[in-house]
Each structure stands twice: as C-alpha cells, then as structure tokens.
Amino acid sequence: MMRRCFVCAADMLGPNERSLAYPDGRVRAFPIACGSCGLLLAADADPARCRAHLAAHLSGPTFLSDPDAPYGLDLYTLRSAATAFDRGLRPHDAEGRTALRHPHGRCAAGADLYALDGAVGPPISLGLLCRPDGLAAALAMLAVHAAWTDDVVILLDAPVNRPEAVAVAGFPRSAVRVGARPLGQDFAAQRNALQDLAGHPWMLQLDADETLSVEAGRRLPALAALAEAGDVVSVGLARRNRVDGHLSDVYPDVQYRLNRRCVRYAGRVHERPVLDGGWPRSLIALHGAIEHHLDRAHVLARSRRYERLAPGRGRPEEEAALLRPYRD
C-alpha cells in the first residue's frame, strides 16, 4: 500500500468503510481513505497510474467519476484535487452545491471545470508576523509579492505602535505598512490582530521565516473566488518545512493561512481558525506550498518553548519528524 495520498501527499491513509454511488447506479466500496483530503482508494491502487488517470480526467471542461478507477472522490475532495492541476470547479446543480457544504457524501464527484490561471477573484492582503530584528529582511523580500498584492501589513512583536506606511520598491505609495503589538506568548491573538489590519476582505498570513512563490501568489485571488463560491472562509495551504535546506518528513503540514478578514484564530500555540459551521467551511488548496526555512537549533528549541506556553500542546513528538528527511 502507498504510504502517502497521491492527491495531497498526507501520510494519513487508513482503513475505510465509505462507499460511492455512481450515475450508472453502481455502488462501490473502497477499503482505504485519506484522513486529510478524503480521497478513497482501492487496495491495489498504484499512485503514479492514479495520478495520471486523474490528470487526464481533469483536463477537459467536465469531470465525471470513472466507476472503474482505482480511486474515488466526492465533490469536496475533487475541489481540492483539481487545484493541484490548476483547475477550479463549479457544481452541476443545487445538489452539488449542497454536497460541497456537507462532505464527505456518498455521491461520486461530477462538475464543470475551469482554469484557475486567469480566473477573476477578490484582491488579497498579505500579513507578516515578524520580530523587530527581522524587519529589514522582511522588507527586502517583499518585492516578490508585488506581483499579486497591493496591501501588505507587517506586525512586529514590540510595544504597541499603529501601522505606518513605509516605501518599498515595486509597491504603490502607502501599500506597505508596519505596526507593532506585543506577542504576549499568544500566537492566535497576534494573528487576530493582524487579520484586523487587512485592507482587503481576504488575507494571506506568513511568518518571517516563510515564503511563497510568485506563481502560487498569483493564484490566490482565484482560490479565494473558488472558496467564496462554496461558502468557504478559510483555505489551507501545504507547507514545506526545510531544515538546514533539507525537506522534512512533516509534509504537507497544512496551514490555514488564507482567510476572510473576519476569521478568528484560537490556540496560544499551533493556532488554527475557528470556523462558524466547522471544517466544511474550509478547503485544502494544492496549487503551491509555503516554504518554511528552519535550522536544527530552532527545531530542537521550538517544541520545548511551545510546551511551556501551552502544556500538552507543544507536540514534542513532532521534533523527530521535522528532523527526519522526507520520504514517500
């Protein structure tokens, strides 16, 4: 059996009792499911063949589930899977729209498809959390984001100071603002304060040691539009943890960082959005990944610090996984 899901790459494959009903009346049970994206798998599924089959079926204007394929998807899972191939979807009817709000259903997926590239979407603000000694480096790396945003807010962990505009090459005047607020050992509160400073209805949040490619950034408006069409307010992006330059086994390490401005985070450490309506109001996008740059010393200190801040929530077991090289 494959170790990782061929769609989202999560190491969360396990026994399953779900089945799917196809338009021709056939009902098919799948013994394996991904605990992250919800993909269903046959016992003998080959990841390379599955991915090629899915790519072919996502290349046209319409997706119809193949009852003989070695995998199965409901509409909620298909929406995420399609983003990995730069595709968005529109449900065929009201029943499909309901299925997106109530995963994981019994109906095999079917939808109309469109290209995410070039799709119109709402503007996105960029928010950065940063320490004062990292401000110069944060400002220096902003130029790559000028291709997709005209509103940037940097929030420093420092005594309160209202955001003030700073000049950054490539951005319009007043597009980049720098403010400050003490972290106070509460990451959720800091993220919520940053959310409130967004100039647009959606904000992508990054930390000072994280980057996002220009290509991935340019697709964010289209992802926000895809989310809005499905009553979604929070979009999770994969994160590649690179320790001393090497990709860690902790992947995809989904981070829910593209959110409607009104979304609130909870948790002093390992903070996550609190969603009215629960997790169906979120989706995982596979169009790109946040690059997280770490060194071994930081990894060794990180879980201990988090455990002190929130006993029982530090995830000390993650330390070994972060230091372990990625494997399929």
C-alpha atoms as a PDB file:
ATOM      1  CA  MET A   1       0.000   0.000   0.000  1.00  0.00           C
ATOM      2  CA  MET A   2       1.228   3.505  -0.799  1.00  0.00           C
ATOM      3  CA  ARG A   3       2.392   5.492   2.211  1.00  0.00           C
ATOM      4  CA  ARG A   4       1.141   8.929   1.133  1.00  0.00           C
ATOM      5  CA  CYS A   5      -2.052  10.039  -0.546  1.00  0.00           C
ATOM      6  CA  PHE A   6      -1.358  10.556  -4.263  1.00  0.00           C
ATOM      7  CA  VAL A   7      -3.519  13.700  -4.243  1.00  0.00           C
ATOM      8  CA  CYS A   8      -2.463  15.672  -1.151  1.00  0.00           C
ATOM      9  CA  ALA A   9       0.679  13.711  -0.092  1.00  0.00           C
ATOM     10  CA  ALA A  10      -0.550  13.346   3.501  1.00  0.00           C
ATOM     11  CA  ASP A  11       0.734  10.335   5.440  1.00  0.00           C
ATOM     12  CA  MET A  12      -2.804   9.683   6.655  1.00  0.00           C
ATOM     13  CA  LEU A  13      -4.042   6.657   4.706  1.00  0.00           C
ATOM     14  CA  GLY A  14      -6.073   4.199   6.743  1.00  0.00           C
ATOM     15  CA  PRO A  15      -8.950   1.711   6.787  1.00  0.00           C
ATOM     16  CA  ASN A  16     -12.257   2.977   5.422  1.00  0.00           C
ATOM     17  CA  GLU A  17     -15.919   1.989   5.323  1.00  0.00           C
ATOM     18  CA  ARG A  18     -17.161   4.670   2.921  1.00  0.00           C
ATOM     19  CA  SER A  19     -18.622   3.880  -0.479  1.00  0.00           C
ATOM     20  CA  LEU A  20     -19.575   5.930  -3.526  1.00  0.00           C
ATOM     21  CA  ALA A  21     -22.678   5.795  -5.723  1.00  0.00           C
ATOM     22  CA  TYR A  22     -22.133   6.456  -9.440  1.00  0.00           C
ATOM     23  CA  PRO A  23     -24.594   7.875 -12.003  1.00  0.00           C
ATOM     24  CA  ASP A  24     -24.978   4.449 -13.657  1.00  0.00           C
ATOM     25  CA  GLY A  25     -26.391   3.059 -10.403  1.00  0.00           C
ATOM     26  CA  ARG A  26     -23.264   1.243  -9.349  1.00  0.00           C
ATOM     27  CA  VAL A  27     -22.206   1.481  -5.685  1.00  0.00           C
ATOM     28  CA  ARG A  28     -18.580   0.817  -4.904  1.00  0.00           C
ATOM     29  CA  ALA A  29     -16.847   0.365  -1.557  1.00  0.00           C
ATOM     30  CA  PHE A  30     -13.252   1.490  -1.009  1.00  0.00           C
ATOM     31  CA  PRO A  31     -11.120  -0.090   1.747  1.00  0.00           C
ATOM     32  CA  ILE A  32      -8.704   2.848   2.145  1.00  0.00           C
ATOM     33  CA  ALA A  33      -9.221   6.587   2.690  1.00  0.00           C
ATOM     34  CA  CYS A  34      -7.032   9.634   3.231  1.00  0.00           C
ATOM     35  CA  GLY A  35      -7.735  11.231   6.585  1.00  0.00           C
ATOM     36  CA  SER A  36      -6.713  14.638   5.243  1.00  0.00           C
ATOM     37  CA  CYS A  37      -8.377  15.245   1.852  1.00  0.00           C
ATOM     38  CA  GLY A  38     -10.876  12.367   1.902  1.00  0.00           C
ATOM     39  CA  LEU A  39      -9.595  10.510  -1.178  1.00  0.00           C
ATOM     40  CA  LEU A  40     -10.801   6.888  -1.437  1.00  0.00           C
ATOM     41  CA  LEU A  41      -8.533   4.118  -2.726  1.00  0.00           C
ATOM     42  CA  ALA A  42      -8.702   0.532  -3.886  1.00  0.00           C
ATOM     43  CA  ALA A  43      -6.336  -1.875  -2.129  1.00  0.00           C
ATOM     44  CA  ASP A  44      -4.152  -2.308  -5.224  1.00  0.00           C
ATOM     45  CA  ALA A  45      -4.047   1.368  -6.285  1.00  0.00           C
ATOM     46  CA  ASP A  46      -0.767   2.490  -7.865  1.00  0.00           C
ATOM     47  CA  PRO A  47      -0.005   6.179  -7.142  1.00  0.00           C
ATOM     48  CA  ALA A  48       1.614   7.007 -10.493  1.00  0.00           C
ATOM     49  CA  ARG A  49      -1.198   5.437 -12.502  1.00  0.00           C
ATOM     50  CA  CYS A  50      -3.840   7.056 -10.290  1.00  0.00           C
ATOM     51  CA  ARG A  51      -2.319  10.493 -10.711  1.00  0.00           C
ATOM     52  CA  ALA A  52      -2.056  10.113 -14.492  1.00  0.00           C
ATOM     53  CA  HIS A  53      -5.662   8.947 -14.682  1.00  0.00           C
ATOM     54  CA  LEU A  54      -6.877  11.862 -12.570  1.00  0.00           C
ATOM     55  CA  ALA A  55      -4.856  14.390 -14.584  1.00  0.00           C
ATOM     56  CA  ALA A  56      -6.411  13.126 -17.814  1.00  0.00           C
ATOM     57  CA  HIS A  57      -9.930  13.358 -16.398  1.00  0.00           C
ATOM     58  CA  LEU A  58      -9.307  16.904 -15.157  1.00  0.00           C
ATOM     59  CA  SER A  59      -8.002  18.171 -18.488  1.00  0.00           C
ATOM     60  CA  GLY A  60     -11.373  18.810 -20.145  1.00  0.00           C
ATOM     61  CA  PRO A  61     -14.341  21.088 -19.418  1.00  0.00           C
ATOM     62  CA  THR A  62     -16.178  18.470 -17.330  1.00  0.00           C
ATOM     63  CA  PHE A  63     -15.165  15.890 -14.749  1.00  0.00           C
ATOM     64  CA  LEU A  64     -17.133  12.655 -14.488  1.00  0.00           C
ATOM     65  CA  SER A  65     -16.096   9.987 -11.988  1.00  0.00           C
ATOM     66  CA  ASP A  66     -14.931   6.718 -13.544  1.00  0.00           C
ATOM     67  CA  PRO A  67     -16.503   3.795 -11.621  1.00  0.00           C
ATOM     68  CA  ASP A  68     -13.623   1.545 -12.695  1.00  0.00           C
ATOM     69  CA  ALA A  69     -10.836   3.862 -11.492  1.00  0.00           C
ATOM     70  CA  PRO A  70      -8.662   2.612  -8.597  1.00  0.00           C
ATOM     71  CA  TYR A  71      -9.667   5.686  -6.578  1.00  0.00           C
ATOM     72  CA  GLY A  72     -12.820   7.649  -5.822  1.00  0.00           C
ATOM     73  CA  LEU A  73     -13.696  11.214  -4.845  1.00  0.00           C
ATOM     74  CA  ASP A  74     -16.734  13.061  -3.629  1.00  0.00           C
ATOM     75  CA  LEU A  75     -17.157  16.668  -4.765  1.00  0.00           C
ATOM     76  CA  TYR A  76     -15.437  18.154  -1.687  1.00  0.00           C
ATOM     77  CA  THR A  77     -12.289  16.093  -2.313  1.00  0.00           C
ATOM     78  CA  LEU A  78     -12.399  16.763  -6.054  1.00  0.00           C
ATOM     79  CA  ARG A  79     -12.341  20.515  -5.425  1.00  0.00           C
ATOM     80  CA  SER A  80      -9.014  20.203  -3.597  1.00  0.00           C
ATOM     81  CA  ALA A  81      -7.603  17.656  -6.037  1.00  0.00           C
ATOM     82  CA  ALA A  82      -8.403  19.900  -9.003  1.00  0.00           C
ATOM     83  CA  THR A  83      -6.350  22.777  -7.576  1.00  0.00           C
ATOM     84  CA  ALA A  84      -3.219  20.604  -7.825  1.00  0.00           C
ATOM     85  CA  PHE A  85      -3.717  20.681 -11.591  1.00  0.00           C
ATOM     86  CA  ASP A  86      -4.548  24.395 -11.719  1.00  0.00           C
ATOM     87  CA  ARG A  87      -8.257  23.710 -12.109  1.00  0.00           C
ATOM     88  CA  GLY A  88     -11.322  25.036 -10.337  1.00  0.00           C
ATOM     89  CA  LEU A  89     -14.792  23.520 -10.377  1.00  0.00           C
ATOM     90  CA  ARG A  90     -18.424  24.520 -10.484  1.00  0.00           C
ATOM     91  CA  PRO A  91     -21.082  22.067  -9.281  1.00  0.00           C
ATOM     92  CA  HIS A  92     -23.581  20.942 -11.905  1.00  0.00           C
ATOM     93  CA  ASP A  93     -26.628  21.757  -9.786  1.00  0.00           C
ATOM     94  CA  ALA A  94     -28.051  22.623  -6.363  1.00  0.00           C
ATOM     95  CA  GLU A  95     -27.426  19.053  -5.188  1.00  0.00           C
ATOM     96  CA  GLY A  96     -23.737  19.522  -5.958  1.00  0.00           C
ATOM     97  CA  ARG A  97     -23.594  22.828  -4.102  1.00  0.00           C
ATOM     98  CA  THR A  98     -25.127  21.095  -1.084  1.00  0.00           C
ATOM     99  CA  ALA A  99     -22.567  18.296  -1.341  1.00  0.00           C
ATOM    100  CA  LEU A 100     -19.726  20.806  -1.007  1.00  0.00           C
ATOM    101  CA  ARG A 101     -21.207  22.057   2.252  1.00  0.00           C
ATOM    102  CA  HIS A 102     -21.742  18.552   3.645  1.00  0.00           C
ATOM    103  CA  PRO A 103     -18.670  16.373   2.972  1.00  0.00           C
ATOM    104  CA  HIS A 104     -17.951  13.528   2.622  1.00  0.00           C
ATOM    105  CA  GLY A 105     -21.041  12.392   0.761  1.00  0.00           C
ATOM    106  CA  ARG A 106     -21.925   9.138  -0.958  1.00  0.00           C
ATOM    107  CA  CYS A 107     -22.237  10.594  -4.466  1.00  0.00           C
ATOM    108  CA  ALA A 108     -19.251  10.221  -6.782  1.00  0.00           C
ATOM    109  CA  ALA A 109     -17.997  13.600  -7.974  1.00  0.00           C
ATOM    110  CA  GLY A 110     -19.046  15.319 -11.164  1.00  0.00           C
ATOM    111  CA  ALA A 111     -18.552  19.009 -12.000  1.00  0.00           C
ATOM    112  CA  ASP A 112     -17.735  21.589 -14.644  1.00  0.00           C
ATOM    113  CA  LEU A 113     -14.077  22.670 -14.691  1.00  0.00           C
ATOM    114  CA  TYR A 114     -12.188  25.868 -15.487  1.00  0.00           C
ATOM    115  CA  ALA A 115      -8.576  27.072 -15.371  1.00  0.00           C
ATOM    116  CA  LEU A 116      -7.537  28.814 -12.164  1.00  0.00           C
ATOM    117  CA  ASP A 117      -4.916  30.822 -14.038  1.00  0.00           C
ATOM    118  CA  GLY A 118      -6.540  33.987 -15.266  1.00  0.00           C
ATOM    119  CA  ALA A 119      -9.697  33.467 -13.208  1.00  0.00           C
ATOM    120  CA  VAL A 120     -11.013  36.660 -11.629  1.00  0.00           C
ATOM    121  CA  GLY A 121     -11.023  36.848  -7.840  1.00  0.00           C
ATOM    122  CA  PRO A 122     -11.025  39.290  -4.941  1.00  0.00           C
ATOM    123  CA  PRO A 123      -7.817  41.165  -4.021  1.00  0.00           C
ATOM    124  CA  ILE A 124      -5.691  39.619  -1.274  1.00  0.00           C
ATOM    125  CA  SER A 125      -3.843  41.353   1.547  1.00  0.00           C
ATOM    126  CA  LEU A 126      -0.528  39.971   2.798  1.00  0.00           C
ATOM    127  CA  GLY A 127       0.158  39.929   6.526  1.00  0.00           C
ATOM    128  CA  LEU A 128       3.573  39.158   8.032  1.00  0.00           C
ATOM    129  CA  LEU A 129       4.420  38.378  11.650  1.00  0.00           C
ATOM    130  CA  CYS A 130       7.944  39.429  12.462  1.00  0.00           C
ATOM    131  CA  ARG A 131      10.381  40.252  15.264  1.00  0.00           C
ATOM    132  CA  PRO A 132      11.953  43.727  15.207  1.00  0.00           C
ATOM    133  CA  ASP A 133      15.383  42.316  14.343  1.00  0.00           C
ATOM    134  CA  GLY A 134      13.887  40.624  11.269  1.00  0.00           C
ATOM    135  CA  LEU A 135      12.170  43.698   9.825  1.00  0.00           C
ATOM    136  CA  ALA A 136      14.931  44.653   7.382  1.00  0.00           C
ATOM    137  CA  ALA A 137      14.999  41.128   5.924  1.00  0.00           C
ATOM    138  CA  ALA A 138      11.191  41.044   5.712  1.00  0.00           C
ATOM    139  CA  LEU A 139      11.093  44.328   3.803  1.00  0.00           C
ATOM    140  CA  ALA A 140      13.849  43.143   1.479  1.00  0.00           C
ATOM    141  CA  MET A 141      11.887  40.025   0.446  1.00  0.00           C
ATOM    142  CA  LEU A 142       8.624  41.834  -0.244  1.00  0.00           C
ATOM    143  CA  ALA A 143       9.397  42.592  -3.890  1.00  0.00           C
ATOM    144  CA  VAL A 144       8.368  39.074  -4.986  1.00  0.00           C
ATOM    145  CA  HIS A 145       4.862  39.681  -3.615  1.00  0.00           C
ATOM    146  CA  ALA A 146       4.265  42.889  -5.582  1.00  0.00           C
ATOM    147  CA  ALA A 147       3.103  40.669  -8.456  1.00  0.00           C
ATOM    148  CA  TRP A 148      -0.088  39.693  -6.626  1.00  0.00           C
ATOM    149  CA  THR A 149      -0.870  42.107  -3.769  1.00  0.00           C
ATOM    150  CA  ASP A 150      -1.113  45.862  -3.238  1.00  0.00           C
ATOM    151  CA  ASP A 151      -1.737  45.698   0.521  1.00  0.00           C
ATOM    152  CA  VAL A 152       0.936  44.471   2.950  1.00  0.00           C
ATOM    153  CA  VAL A 153       0.924  44.726   6.740  1.00  0.00           C
ATOM    154  CA  ILE A 154       3.894  43.728   8.904  1.00  0.00           C
ATOM    155  CA  LEU A 155       3.133  43.290  12.603  1.00  0.00           C
ATOM    156  CA  LEU A 156       6.168  43.339  14.892  1.00  0.00           C
ATOM    157  CA  ASP A 157       6.407  41.718  18.313  1.00  0.00           C
ATOM    158  CA  ALA A 158       7.113  45.014  20.104  1.00  0.00           C
ATOM    159  CA  PRO A 159       5.353  47.707  22.151  1.00  0.00           C
ATOM    160  CA  VAL A 160       2.130  48.902  20.539  1.00  0.00           C
ATOM    161  CA  ASN A 161       2.583  51.201  17.575  1.00  0.00           C
ATOM    162  CA  ARG A 162      -0.118  51.890  14.994  1.00  0.00           C
ATOM    163  CA  PRO A 163       0.757  50.837  11.416  1.00  0.00           C
ATOM    164  CA  GLU A 164       2.621  53.450   9.401  1.00  0.00           C
ATOM    165  CA  ALA A 165       3.399  53.401   5.678  1.00  0.00           C
ATOM    166  CA  VAL A 166       6.922  52.634   4.516  1.00  0.00           C
ATOM    167  CA  ALA A 167       8.284  52.897   0.984  1.00  0.00           C
ATOM    168  CA  VAL A 168       9.098  49.588  -0.703  1.00  0.00           C
ATOM    169  CA  ALA A 169      10.194  49.272  -4.323  1.00  0.00           C
ATOM    170  CA  GLY A 170       7.538  47.805  -6.592  1.00  0.00           C
ATOM    171  CA  PHE A 171       4.592  48.793  -4.394  1.00  0.00           C
ATOM    172  CA  PRO A 172       2.301  51.819  -4.658  1.00  0.00           C
ATOM    173  CA  ARG A 173       2.655  54.546  -2.058  1.00  0.00           C
ATOM    174  CA  SER A 174       1.160  53.519   1.318  1.00  0.00           C
ATOM    175  CA  ALA A 175       0.738  49.908   0.153  1.00  0.00           C
ATOM    176  CA  VAL A 176       3.145  48.598   2.810  1.00  0.00           C
ATOM    177  CA  ARG A 177       2.523  49.352   6.484  1.00  0.00           C
ATOM    178  CA  VAL A 178       4.483  48.397   9.597  1.00  0.00           C
ATOM    179  CA  GLY A 179       2.899  48.270  13.044  1.00  0.00           C
ATOM    180  CA  ALA A 180       3.678  46.651  16.374  1.00  0.00           C
ATOM    181  CA  ARG A 181       1.959  44.756  19.175  1.00  0.00           C
ATOM    182  CA  PRO A 182       3.446  42.556  21.919  1.00  0.00           C
ATOM    183  CA  LEU A 183       3.057  38.864  21.130  1.00  0.00           C
ATOM    184  CA  GLY A 184       2.363  38.186  24.781  1.00  0.00           C
ATOM    185  CA  GLN A 185       3.044  34.452  24.295  1.00  0.00           C
ATOM    186  CA  ASP A 186      -0.255  34.084  22.411  1.00  0.00           C
ATOM    187  CA  PHE A 187       0.110  33.383  18.682  1.00  0.00           C
ATOM    188  CA  ALA A 188      -3.639  33.315  17.998  1.00  0.00           C
ATOM    189  CA  ALA A 189      -4.139  36.768  19.482  1.00  0.00           C
ATOM    190  CA  GLN A 190      -1.298  38.117  17.341  1.00  0.00           C
ATOM    191  CA  ARG A 191      -2.780  36.594  14.184  1.00  0.00           C
ATOM    192  CA  ASN A 192      -6.194  38.017  15.024  1.00  0.00           C
ATOM    193  CA  ALA A 193      -4.685  41.472  15.444  1.00  0.00           C
ATOM    194  CA  LEU A 194      -3.022  41.074  12.044  1.00  0.00           C
ATOM    195  CA  GLN A 195      -6.319  39.948  10.472  1.00  0.00           C
ATOM    196  CA  ASP A 196      -7.946  43.181  11.658  1.00  0.00           C
ATOM    197  CA  LEU A 197      -5.331  45.234   9.789  1.00  0.00           C
ATOM    198  CA  ALA A 198      -6.131  43.732   6.367  1.00  0.00           C
ATOM    199  CA  GLY A 199      -7.137  46.277   3.758  1.00  0.00           C
ATOM    200  CA  HIS A 200      -8.943  43.658   1.646  1.00  0.00           C
ATOM    201  CA  PRO A 201     -11.618  41.084   2.587  1.00  0.00           C
ATOM    202  CA  TRP A 202      -9.066  38.223   2.345  1.00  0.00           C
ATOM    203  CA  MET A 203      -5.603  37.996   3.887  1.00  0.00           C
ATOM    204  CA  LEU A 204      -2.718  35.564   3.482  1.00  0.00           C
ATOM    205  CA  GLN A 205      -0.578  35.384   6.620  1.00  0.00           C
ATOM    206  CA  LEU A 206       3.084  34.382   6.587  1.00  0.00           C
ATOM    207  CA  ASP A 207       5.755  34.303   9.257  1.00  0.00           C
ATOM    208  CA  ALA A 208       9.126  35.955   8.744  1.00  0.00           C
ATOM    209  CA  ASP A 209      10.768  32.574   8.037  1.00  0.00           C
ATOM    210  CA  GLU A 210       8.188  31.634   5.376  1.00  0.00           C
ATOM    211  CA  THR A 211       7.999  32.435   1.671  1.00  0.00           C
ATOM    212  CA  LEU A 212       5.537  31.844  -1.165  1.00  0.00           C
ATOM    213  CA  SER A 213       6.386  31.661  -4.858  1.00  0.00           C
ATOM    214  CA  VAL A 214       5.143  34.315  -7.278  1.00  0.00           C
ATOM    215  CA  GLU A 215       3.194  31.671  -9.215  1.00  0.00           C
ATOM    216  CA  ALA A 216       1.385  30.488  -6.085  1.00  0.00           C
ATOM    217  CA  GLY A 217       0.695  34.056  -5.013  1.00  0.00           C
ATOM    218  CA  ARG A 218      -0.853  34.979  -8.335  1.00  0.00           C
ATOM    219  CA  ARG A 219      -3.403  32.176  -7.965  1.00  0.00           C
ATOM    220  CA  LEU A 220      -4.599  33.299  -4.522  1.00  0.00           C
ATOM    221  CA  PRO A 221      -7.404  35.552  -5.846  1.00  0.00           C
ATOM    222  CA  ALA A 222      -8.751  32.661  -7.925  1.00  0.00           C
ATOM    223  CA  LEU A 223      -8.619  30.389  -4.857  1.00  0.00           C
ATOM    224  CA  ALA A 224     -10.490  32.986  -2.813  1.00  0.00           C
ATOM    225  CA  ALA A 225     -13.158  33.148  -5.529  1.00  0.00           C
ATOM    226  CA  LEU A 226     -13.389  29.332  -5.529  1.00  0.00           C
ATOM    227  CA  ALA A 227     -13.790  29.449  -1.751  1.00  0.00           C
ATOM    228  CA  GLU A 228     -16.483  32.135  -1.832  1.00  0.00           C
ATOM    229  CA  ALA A 229     -18.500  30.169  -4.379  1.00  0.00           C
ATOM    230  CA  GLY A 230     -18.617  27.260  -1.933  1.00  0.00           C
ATOM    231  CA  ASP A 231     -19.294  29.299   1.247  1.00  0.00           C
ATOM    232  CA  VAL A 232     -15.715  28.667   2.422  1.00  0.00           C
ATOM    233  CA  VAL A 233     -13.916  31.243   4.579  1.00  0.00           C
ATOM    234  CA  SER A 234     -10.566  29.517   5.258  1.00  0.00           C
ATOM    235  CA  VAL A 235      -8.119  27.970   2.785  1.00  0.00           C
ATOM    236  CA  GLY A 236      -5.308  25.676   3.878  1.00  0.00           C
ATOM    237  CA  LEU A 237      -2.001  25.628   2.012  1.00  0.00           C
ATOM    238  CA  ALA A 238       0.632  22.914   2.184  1.00  0.00           C
ATOM    239  CA  ARG A 239       3.858  23.918   3.935  1.00  0.00           C
ATOM    240  CA  ARG A 240       7.286  22.517   3.100  1.00  0.00           C
ATOM    241  CA  ASN A 241       9.460  22.525   6.208  1.00  0.00           C
ATOM    242  CA  ARG A 242      13.098  22.750   5.149  1.00  0.00           C
ATOM    243  CA  VAL A 243      15.538  22.139   7.999  1.00  0.00           C
ATOM    244  CA  ASP A 244      19.035  23.336   7.088  1.00  0.00           C
ATOM    245  CA  GLY A 245      17.846  23.256   3.488  1.00  0.00           C
ATOM    246  CA  HIS A 246      16.545  19.671   3.528  1.00  0.00           C
ATOM    247  CA  LEU A 247      12.836  18.852   3.075  1.00  0.00           C
ATOM    248  CA  SER A 248      11.406  17.427   6.289  1.00  0.00           C
ATOM    249  CA  ASP A 249       9.101  14.435   6.572  1.00  0.00           C
ATOM    250  CA  VAL A 250       6.485  16.731   8.158  1.00  0.00           C
ATOM    251  CA  TYR A 251       4.553  17.371   4.953  1.00  0.00           C
ATOM    252  CA  PRO A 252       2.085  18.642   3.768  1.00  0.00           C
ATOM    253  CA  ASP A 253       1.765  20.290   7.225  1.00  0.00           C
ATOM    254  CA  VAL A 254      -1.354  22.192   6.064  1.00  0.00           C
ATOM    255  CA  GLN A 255      -1.543  25.764   7.351  1.00  0.00           C
ATOM    256  CA  TYR A 256      -4.879  27.621   7.200  1.00  0.00           C
ATOM    257  CA  ARG A 257      -3.406  30.982   6.326  1.00  0.00           C
ATOM    258  CA  LEU A 258      -5.653  32.343   3.533  1.00  0.00           C
ATOM    259  CA  ASN A 259      -8.718  33.589   5.370  1.00  0.00           C
ATOM    260  CA  ARG A 260     -11.581  36.005   5.222  1.00  0.00           C
ATOM    261  CA  ARG A 261     -10.687  39.017   7.341  1.00  0.00           C
ATOM    262  CA  CYS A 262     -13.454  38.135   9.847  1.00  0.00           C
ATOM    263  CA  VAL A 263     -11.974  34.683  10.644  1.00  0.00           C
ATOM    264  CA  ARG A 264     -10.561  34.332  14.172  1.00  0.00           C
ATOM    265  CA  TYR A 265      -7.720  32.070  15.316  1.00  0.00           C
ATOM    266  CA  ALA A 266      -7.613  30.150  18.609  1.00  0.00           C
ATOM    267  CA  GLY A 267      -4.725  28.477  20.459  1.00  0.00           C
ATOM    268  CA  ARG A 268      -1.701  30.020  22.138  1.00  0.00           C
ATOM    269  CA  VAL A 269       0.489  27.735  20.007  1.00  0.00           C
ATOM    270  CA  HIS A 270      -0.260  25.735  16.835  1.00  0.00           C
ATOM    271  CA  GLU A 271      -3.134  28.141  16.344  1.00  0.00           C
ATOM    272  CA  ARG A 272      -5.965  27.355  13.922  1.00  0.00           C
ATOM    273  CA  PRO A 273      -9.025  29.232  12.640  1.00  0.00           C
ATOM    274  CA  VAL A 274     -12.322  28.795  14.466  1.00  0.00           C
ATOM    275  CA  LEU A 275     -15.000  28.369  11.815  1.00  0.00           C
ATOM    276  CA  ASP A 276     -18.703  29.016  12.228  1.00  0.00           C
ATOM    277  CA  GLY A 277     -20.117  25.858  10.677  1.00  0.00           C
ATOM    278  CA  GLY A 278     -16.998  23.789  11.329  1.00  0.00           C
ATOM    279  CA  TRP A 279     -14.326  22.394   8.989  1.00  0.00           C
ATOM    280  CA  PRO A 280     -16.626  22.125   5.898  1.00  0.00           C
ATOM    281  CA  ARG A 281     -16.207  25.906   5.637  1.00  0.00           C
ATOM    282  CA  SER A 282     -12.541  25.320   4.843  1.00  0.00           C
ATOM    283  CA  LEU A 283     -10.753  23.696   1.941  1.00  0.00           C
ATOM    284  CA  ILE A 284      -7.233  22.471   1.229  1.00  0.00           C
ATOM    285  CA  ALA A 285      -5.632  24.022  -1.858  1.00  0.00           C
ATOM    286  CA  LEU A 286      -2.839  22.130  -3.586  1.00  0.00           C
ATOM    287  CA  HIS A 287      -1.745  24.789  -6.084  1.00  0.00           C
ATOM    288  CA  GLY A 288       1.544  25.540  -4.326  1.00  0.00           C
ATOM    289  CA  ALA A 289       3.183  25.467  -0.917  1.00  0.00           C
ATOM    290  CA  ILE A 290       4.503  27.795   1.753  1.00  0.00           C
ATOM    291  CA  GLU A 291       8.254  27.339   2.117  1.00  0.00           C
ATOM    292  CA  HIS A 292       9.288  27.249   5.787  1.00  0.00           C
ATOM    293  CA  HIS A 293      13.004  27.781   6.424  1.00  0.00           C
ATOM    294  CA  LEU A 294      14.295  26.323   9.707  1.00  0.00           C
ATOM    295  CA  ASP A 295      17.578  25.308  11.241  1.00  0.00           C
ATOM    296  CA  ARG A 296      18.235  22.355  13.540  1.00  0.00           C
ATOM    297  CA  ALA A 297      18.760  24.513  16.633  1.00  0.00           C
ATOM    298  CA  HIS A 298      15.371  26.177  16.167  1.00  0.00           C
ATOM    299  CA  VAL A 299      13.644  22.815  15.762  1.00  0.00           C
ATOM    300  CA  LEU A 300      15.242  21.477  18.951  1.00  0.00           C
ATOM    301  CA  ALA A 301      14.083  24.517  20.952  1.00  0.00           C
ATOM    302  CA  ARG A 302      10.670  25.002  19.309  1.00  0.00           C
ATOM    303  CA  SER A 303       8.582  22.209  20.857  1.00  0.00           C
ATOM    304  CA  ARG A 304      10.012  22.868  24.346  1.00  0.00           C
ATOM    305  CA  ARG A 305       9.101  26.542  24.096  1.00  0.00           C
ATOM    306  CA  TYR A 306       5.605  25.725  22.850  1.00  0.00           C
ATOM    307  CA  GLU A 307       5.100  23.190  25.640  1.00  0.00           C
ATOM    308  CA  ARG A 308       5.954  25.851  28.218  1.00  0.00           C
ATOM    309  CA  LEU A 309       3.456  28.244  26.632  1.00  0.00           C
ATOM    310  CA  ALA A 310       0.661  25.660  26.371  1.00  0.00           C
ATOM    311  CA  PRO A 311       1.278  22.451  28.382  1.00  0.00           C
ATOM    312  CA  GLY A 312       0.165  19.419  26.403  1.00  0.00           C
ATOM    313  CA  ARG A 313       0.109  21.360  23.123  1.00  0.00           C
ATOM    314  CA  GLY A 314       3.823  21.591  22.326  1.00  0.00           C
ATOM    315  CA  ARG A 315       3.866  18.462  20.120  1.00  0.00           C
ATOM    316  CA  PRO A 316       7.302  17.251  21.269  1.00  0.00           C
ATOM    317  CA  GLU A 317       6.851  14.174  19.042  1.00  0.00           C
ATOM    318  CA  GLU A 318       6.980  16.471  16.003  1.00  0.00           C
ATOM    319  CA  GLU A 319      10.636  17.308  16.710  1.00  0.00           C
ATOM    320  CA  ALA A 320      11.914  13.949  15.473  1.00  0.00           C
ATOM    321  CA  ALA A 321       9.664  14.082  12.405  1.00  0.00           C
ATOM    322  CA  LEU A 322      10.898  17.557  11.492  1.00  0.00           C
ATOM    323  CA  LEU A 323      14.488  16.337  11.633  1.00  0.00           C
ATOM    324  CA  ARG A 324      13.707  13.255   9.542  1.00  0.00           C
ATOM    325  CA  PRO A 325      14.209  13.627   5.741  1.00  0.00           C
ATOM    326  CA  TYR A 326      11.101  13.459   3.552  1.00  0.00           C
ATOM    327  CA  ARG A 327      10.144  10.078   2.148  1.00  0.00           C
ATOM    328  CA  ASP A 328       7.200   8.855   0.065  1.00  0.00           C
END
